[in-house]
Amino acid sequence: MNTLNAPDTQTFDSAVEAFRARGLPSFLQGDHLAGVALFSAADDVTLANPIGPPVRGLAAVNQAAAMAAAQTADGSLREIEEVCRYSTPDLGYVVQIERAQAKLGGADEVSPISLRVTMIFRREDDGWKVVHRHADPIMAPRPITTVVES
């Protein structure tokens, strides 16, 4: 990556902003690479996206993100509502609601998207990296029976 165009990830806050400014918008256009570049390459990196089971390891994260991004097009980020943010010298997390819009699954029309997201970052030798991202569409209270396996 050209260091002139590399995102600033030297602080926790700058890594969060880099993911929001580069990773999310690219993903909504169908390109997962800018977001995955901000993930840790360590074996314990995990991704739990809303369309598949959790995966572990950078290769699996890359594959899951590519599969999801391939189903989005012509998207844009509308708003991020931050619920909370906390960091220590080596670990940090952010909980947020991501509101976006995109064409999903080959549709001709743009649809609104809202995701409840938790991201954990870790300070590594080359800056702060995403070590876990969980996103799901649960945006309203629901009965406990919705967790029953069918």
C-alpha atoms as a PDB file:
ATOM      1  CA  MET A   1       0.000   0.000   0.000  1.00  0.00           C
ATOM      2  CA  ASN A   2       1.273   3.487  -0.796  1.00  0.00           C
ATOM      3  CA  THR A   3       2.077   5.097   2.547  1.00  0.00           C
ATOM      4  CA  LEU A   4       0.835   8.472   1.276  1.00  0.00           C
ATOM      5  CA  ASN A   5      -2.621   6.927   0.891  1.00  0.00           C
ATOM      6  CA  ALA A   6      -2.432   4.640   3.910  1.00  0.00           C
ATOM      7  CA  PRO A   7      -5.007   5.367   6.595  1.00  0.00           C
ATOM      8  CA  ASP A   8      -3.793   6.711   9.926  1.00  0.00           C
ATOM      9  CA  THR A   9      -4.166   3.915  12.469  1.00  0.00           C
ATOM     10  CA  GLN A  10      -1.544   5.037  14.979  1.00  0.00           C
ATOM     11  CA  THR A  11      -4.158   5.814  17.643  1.00  0.00           C
ATOM     12  CA  PHE A  12      -7.309   3.978  18.607  1.00  0.00           C
ATOM     13  CA  ASP A  13      -9.507   6.914  17.572  1.00  0.00           C
ATOM     14  CA  SER A  14      -7.798   7.268  14.191  1.00  0.00           C
ATOM     15  CA  ALA A  15      -8.244   3.528  13.521  1.00  0.00           C
ATOM     16  CA  VAL A  16     -11.977   3.776  14.268  1.00  0.00           C
ATOM     17  CA  GLU A  17     -12.245   6.770  11.941  1.00  0.00           C
ATOM     18  CA  ALA A  18     -10.226   5.013   9.217  1.00  0.00           C
ATOM     19  CA  PHE A  19     -12.634   2.077   9.271  1.00  0.00           C
ATOM     20  CA  ARG A  20     -15.604   4.434   9.062  1.00  0.00           C
ATOM     21  CA  ALA A  21     -14.089   6.594   6.323  1.00  0.00           C
ATOM     22  CA  ARG A  22     -12.529   3.861   4.163  1.00  0.00           C
ATOM     23  CA  GLY A  23     -13.703   0.396   5.097  1.00  0.00           C
ATOM     24  CA  LEU A  24     -17.445   0.970   5.287  1.00  0.00           C
ATOM     25  CA  PRO A  25     -17.910   3.149   2.184  1.00  0.00           C
ATOM     26  CA  SER A  26     -15.843   0.757   0.049  1.00  0.00           C
ATOM     27  CA  PHE A  27     -17.791  -2.230   1.338  1.00  0.00           C
ATOM     28  CA  LEU A  28     -21.085  -0.550   0.433  1.00  0.00           C
ATOM     29  CA  GLN A  29     -19.750  -0.172  -3.110  1.00  0.00           C
ATOM     30  CA  GLY A  30     -19.025  -3.912  -3.273  1.00  0.00           C
ATOM     31  CA  ASP A  31     -15.290  -3.805  -2.411  1.00  0.00           C
ATOM     32  CA  HIS A  32     -14.206  -5.517   0.800  1.00  0.00           C
ATOM     33  CA  LEU A  33     -10.450  -4.933   0.478  1.00  0.00           C
ATOM     34  CA  ALA A  34     -10.188  -1.501   2.130  1.00  0.00           C
ATOM     35  CA  GLY A  35     -11.980  -2.797   5.211  1.00  0.00           C
ATOM     36  CA  VAL A  36     -10.109  -6.086   5.445  1.00  0.00           C
ATOM     37  CA  ALA A  37      -6.810  -4.180   5.186  1.00  0.00           C
ATOM     38  CA  LEU A  38      -7.674  -2.658   8.586  1.00  0.00           C
ATOM     39  CA  PHE A  39      -8.079  -6.085  10.240  1.00  0.00           C
ATOM     40  CA  SER A  40      -5.324  -7.817  12.172  1.00  0.00           C
ATOM     41  CA  ALA A  41      -3.428 -10.578  10.378  1.00  0.00           C
ATOM     42  CA  ALA A  42      -3.152 -12.534  13.657  1.00  0.00           C
ATOM     43  CA  ASP A  43      -4.711 -15.978  13.968  1.00  0.00           C
ATOM     44  CA  ASP A  44      -7.285 -14.768  16.514  1.00  0.00           C
ATOM     45  CA  VAL A  45      -8.970 -12.197  14.245  1.00  0.00           C
ATOM     46  CA  THR A  46     -12.729 -12.827  13.962  1.00  0.00           C
ATOM     47  CA  LEU A  47     -15.710 -11.600  11.960  1.00  0.00           C
ATOM     48  CA  ALA A  48     -19.387 -12.231  12.650  1.00  0.00           C
ATOM     49  CA  ASN A  49     -21.315 -10.599   9.832  1.00  0.00           C
ATOM     50  CA  PRO A  50     -25.107 -10.652   9.513  1.00  0.00           C
ATOM     51  CA  ILE A  51     -25.214 -13.195   6.678  1.00  0.00           C
ATOM     52  CA  GLY A  52     -23.068 -16.015   8.005  1.00  0.00           C
ATOM     53  CA  PRO A  53     -21.557 -17.745  11.003  1.00  0.00           C
ATOM     54  CA  PRO A  54     -18.538 -16.300  12.812  1.00  0.00           C
ATOM     55  CA  VAL A  55     -15.181 -16.935  11.146  1.00  0.00           C
ATOM     56  CA  ARG A  56     -11.634 -16.889  12.516  1.00  0.00           C
ATOM     57  CA  GLY A  57      -8.322 -16.106  10.822  1.00  0.00           C
ATOM     58  CA  LEU A  58      -7.545 -13.507   8.172  1.00  0.00           C
ATOM     59  CA  ALA A  59      -8.156 -15.829   5.212  1.00  0.00           C
ATOM     60  CA  ALA A  60     -11.624 -16.714   6.493  1.00  0.00           C
ATOM     61  CA  VAL A  61     -12.374 -13.062   7.354  1.00  0.00           C
ATOM     62  CA  ASN A  62     -11.323 -12.042   3.850  1.00  0.00           C
ATOM     63  CA  GLN A  63     -13.502 -14.739   2.268  1.00  0.00           C
ATOM     64  CA  ALA A  64     -16.577 -13.893   4.373  1.00  0.00           C
ATOM     65  CA  ALA A  65     -16.174 -10.160   3.743  1.00  0.00           C
ATOM     66  CA  ALA A  66     -15.722 -10.739  -0.004  1.00  0.00           C
ATOM     67  CA  MET A  67     -18.883 -12.854  -0.144  1.00  0.00           C
ATOM     68  CA  ALA A  68     -20.894 -10.189   1.687  1.00  0.00           C
ATOM     69  CA  ALA A  69     -19.489  -7.256  -0.295  1.00  0.00           C
ATOM     70  CA  ALA A  70     -20.253  -9.046  -3.563  1.00  0.00           C
ATOM     71  CA  GLN A  71     -23.917  -8.732  -2.610  1.00  0.00           C
ATOM     72  CA  THR A  72     -23.814  -4.934  -2.195  1.00  0.00           C
ATOM     73  CA  ALA A  73     -23.580  -2.193  -4.825  1.00  0.00           C
ATOM     74  CA  ASP A  74     -24.078   1.542  -5.259  1.00  0.00           C
ATOM     75  CA  GLY A  75     -24.191   2.062  -1.512  1.00  0.00           C
ATOM     76  CA  SER A  76     -23.388   4.907   0.821  1.00  0.00           C
ATOM     77  CA  LEU A  77     -23.088   5.481   4.526  1.00  0.00           C
ATOM     78  CA  ARG A  78     -25.912   7.649   5.869  1.00  0.00           C
ATOM     79  CA  GLU A  79     -25.066   7.905   9.565  1.00  0.00           C
ATOM     80  CA  ILE A  80     -23.135   6.341  12.401  1.00  0.00           C
ATOM     81  CA  GLU A  81     -24.683   6.578  15.821  1.00  0.00           C
ATOM     82  CA  GLU A  82     -21.999   5.828  18.364  1.00  0.00           C
ATOM     83  CA  VAL A  83     -23.330   4.162  21.498  1.00  0.00           C
ATOM     84  CA  CYS A  84     -20.018   3.991  23.366  1.00  0.00           C
ATOM     85  CA  ARG A  85     -16.265   3.881  22.935  1.00  0.00           C
ATOM     86  CA  TYR A  86     -13.551   2.836  25.348  1.00  0.00           C
ATOM     87  CA  SER A  87      -9.860   2.092  25.095  1.00  0.00           C
ATOM     88  CA  THR A  88      -6.840   1.137  27.156  1.00  0.00           C
ATOM     89  CA  PRO A  89      -3.253   1.479  25.909  1.00  0.00           C
ATOM     90  CA  ASP A  90      -3.573  -1.829  24.003  1.00  0.00           C
ATOM     91  CA  LEU A  91      -7.277  -2.634  23.459  1.00  0.00           C
ATOM     92  CA  GLY A  92     -10.350  -0.644  22.580  1.00  0.00           C
ATOM     93  CA  TYR A  93     -13.907  -1.131  21.455  1.00  0.00           C
ATOM     94  CA  VAL A  94     -16.701   0.825  19.860  1.00  0.00           C
ATOM     95  CA  VAL A  95     -20.412  -0.001  19.817  1.00  0.00           C
ATOM     96  CA  GLN A  96     -22.353   1.749  17.092  1.00  0.00           C
ATOM     97  CA  ILE A  97     -25.407   1.717  14.871  1.00  0.00           C
ATOM     98  CA  GLU A  98     -24.460   1.890  11.192  1.00  0.00           C
ATOM     99  CA  ARG A  99     -27.121   3.305   8.913  1.00  0.00           C
ATOM    100  CA  ALA A 100     -26.448   2.975   5.221  1.00  0.00           C
ATOM    101  CA  GLN A 101     -28.139   2.305   1.919  1.00  0.00           C
ATOM    102  CA  ALA A 102     -27.210   0.022  -0.962  1.00  0.00           C
ATOM    103  CA  LYS A 103     -28.499  -2.247  -3.670  1.00  0.00           C
ATOM    104  CA  LEU A 104     -28.572  -5.671  -2.038  1.00  0.00           C
ATOM    105  CA  GLY A 105     -28.397  -9.092  -3.653  1.00  0.00           C
ATOM    106  CA  GLY A 106     -28.608  -7.788  -7.217  1.00  0.00           C
ATOM    107  CA  ALA A 107     -31.681  -5.632  -6.590  1.00  0.00           C
ATOM    108  CA  ASP A 108     -32.304  -2.631  -8.836  1.00  0.00           C
ATOM    109  CA  GLU A 109     -33.433  -0.421  -5.975  1.00  0.00           C
ATOM    110  CA  VAL A 110     -31.425   0.953  -3.077  1.00  0.00           C
ATOM    111  CA  SER A 111     -32.573  -0.295   0.333  1.00  0.00           C
ATOM    112  CA  PRO A 112     -31.936   1.193   3.775  1.00  0.00           C
ATOM    113  CA  ILE A 113     -29.648  -0.836   6.035  1.00  0.00           C
ATOM    114  CA  SER A 114     -29.270  -0.585   9.819  1.00  0.00           C
ATOM    115  CA  LEU A 115     -26.783  -2.697  11.739  1.00  0.00           C
ATOM    116  CA  ARG A 116     -25.919  -2.977  15.419  1.00  0.00           C
ATOM    117  CA  VAL A 117     -22.123  -3.272  15.492  1.00  0.00           C
ATOM    118  CA  THR A 118     -19.423  -4.013  18.034  1.00  0.00           C
ATOM    119  CA  MET A 119     -15.792  -3.686  16.962  1.00  0.00           C
ATOM    120  CA  ILE A 120     -12.723  -4.517  19.041  1.00  0.00           C
ATOM    121  CA  PHE A 121      -9.342  -3.031  18.128  1.00  0.00           C
ATOM    122  CA  ARG A 122      -5.865  -3.969  19.335  1.00  0.00           C
ATOM    123  CA  ARG A 123      -2.639  -1.997  19.161  1.00  0.00           C
ATOM    124  CA  GLU A 124      -0.136  -3.982  17.102  1.00  0.00           C
ATOM    125  CA  ASP A 125       3.361  -3.204  15.793  1.00  0.00           C
ATOM    126  CA  ASP A 126       2.009  -1.424  12.699  1.00  0.00           C
ATOM    127  CA  GLY A 127      -0.859   0.460  14.362  1.00  0.00           C
ATOM    128  CA  TRP A 128      -4.305  -0.297  15.706  1.00  0.00           C
ATOM    129  CA  LYS A 129      -6.119  -3.145  13.956  1.00  0.00           C
ATOM    130  CA  VAL A 130      -9.616  -4.625  14.063  1.00  0.00           C
ATOM    131  CA  VAL A 131      -9.476  -7.960  15.887  1.00  0.00           C
ATOM    132  CA  HIS A 132     -13.227  -8.557  16.027  1.00  0.00           C
ATOM    133  CA  ARG A 133     -16.289  -7.181  14.270  1.00  0.00           C
ATOM    134  CA  HIS A 134     -19.826  -8.322  14.972  1.00  0.00           C
ATOM    135  CA  ALA A 135     -22.762  -6.850  13.067  1.00  0.00           C
ATOM    136  CA  ASP A 136     -26.411  -7.843  13.130  1.00  0.00           C
ATOM    137  CA  PRO A 137     -29.740  -6.301  12.133  1.00  0.00           C
ATOM    138  CA  ILE A 138     -31.378  -6.429  15.582  1.00  0.00           C
ATOM    139  CA  MET A 139     -32.591  -2.862  16.071  1.00  0.00           C
ATOM    140  CA  ALA A 140     -35.688  -3.302  18.223  1.00  0.00           C
ATOM    141  CA  PRO A 141     -36.677  -5.308  21.291  1.00  0.00           C
ATOM    142  CA  ARG A 142     -37.905  -8.799  20.480  1.00  0.00           C
ATOM    143  CA  PRO A 143     -39.236 -11.742  22.460  1.00  0.00           C
ATOM    144  CA  ILE A 144     -36.828 -14.267  23.926  1.00  0.00           C
ATOM    145  CA  THR A 145     -38.485 -16.967  21.809  1.00  0.00           C
ATOM    146  CA  THR A 146     -36.770 -15.534  18.738  1.00  0.00           C
ATOM    147  CA  VAL A 147     -33.570 -17.282  19.867  1.00  0.00           C
ATOM    148  CA  VAL A 148     -35.144 -20.752  19.721  1.00  0.00           C
ATOM    149  CA  GLU A 149     -33.470 -22.916  17.063  1.00  0.00           C
ATOM    150  CA  SER A 150     -35.836 -24.323  14.476  1.00  0.00           C
END
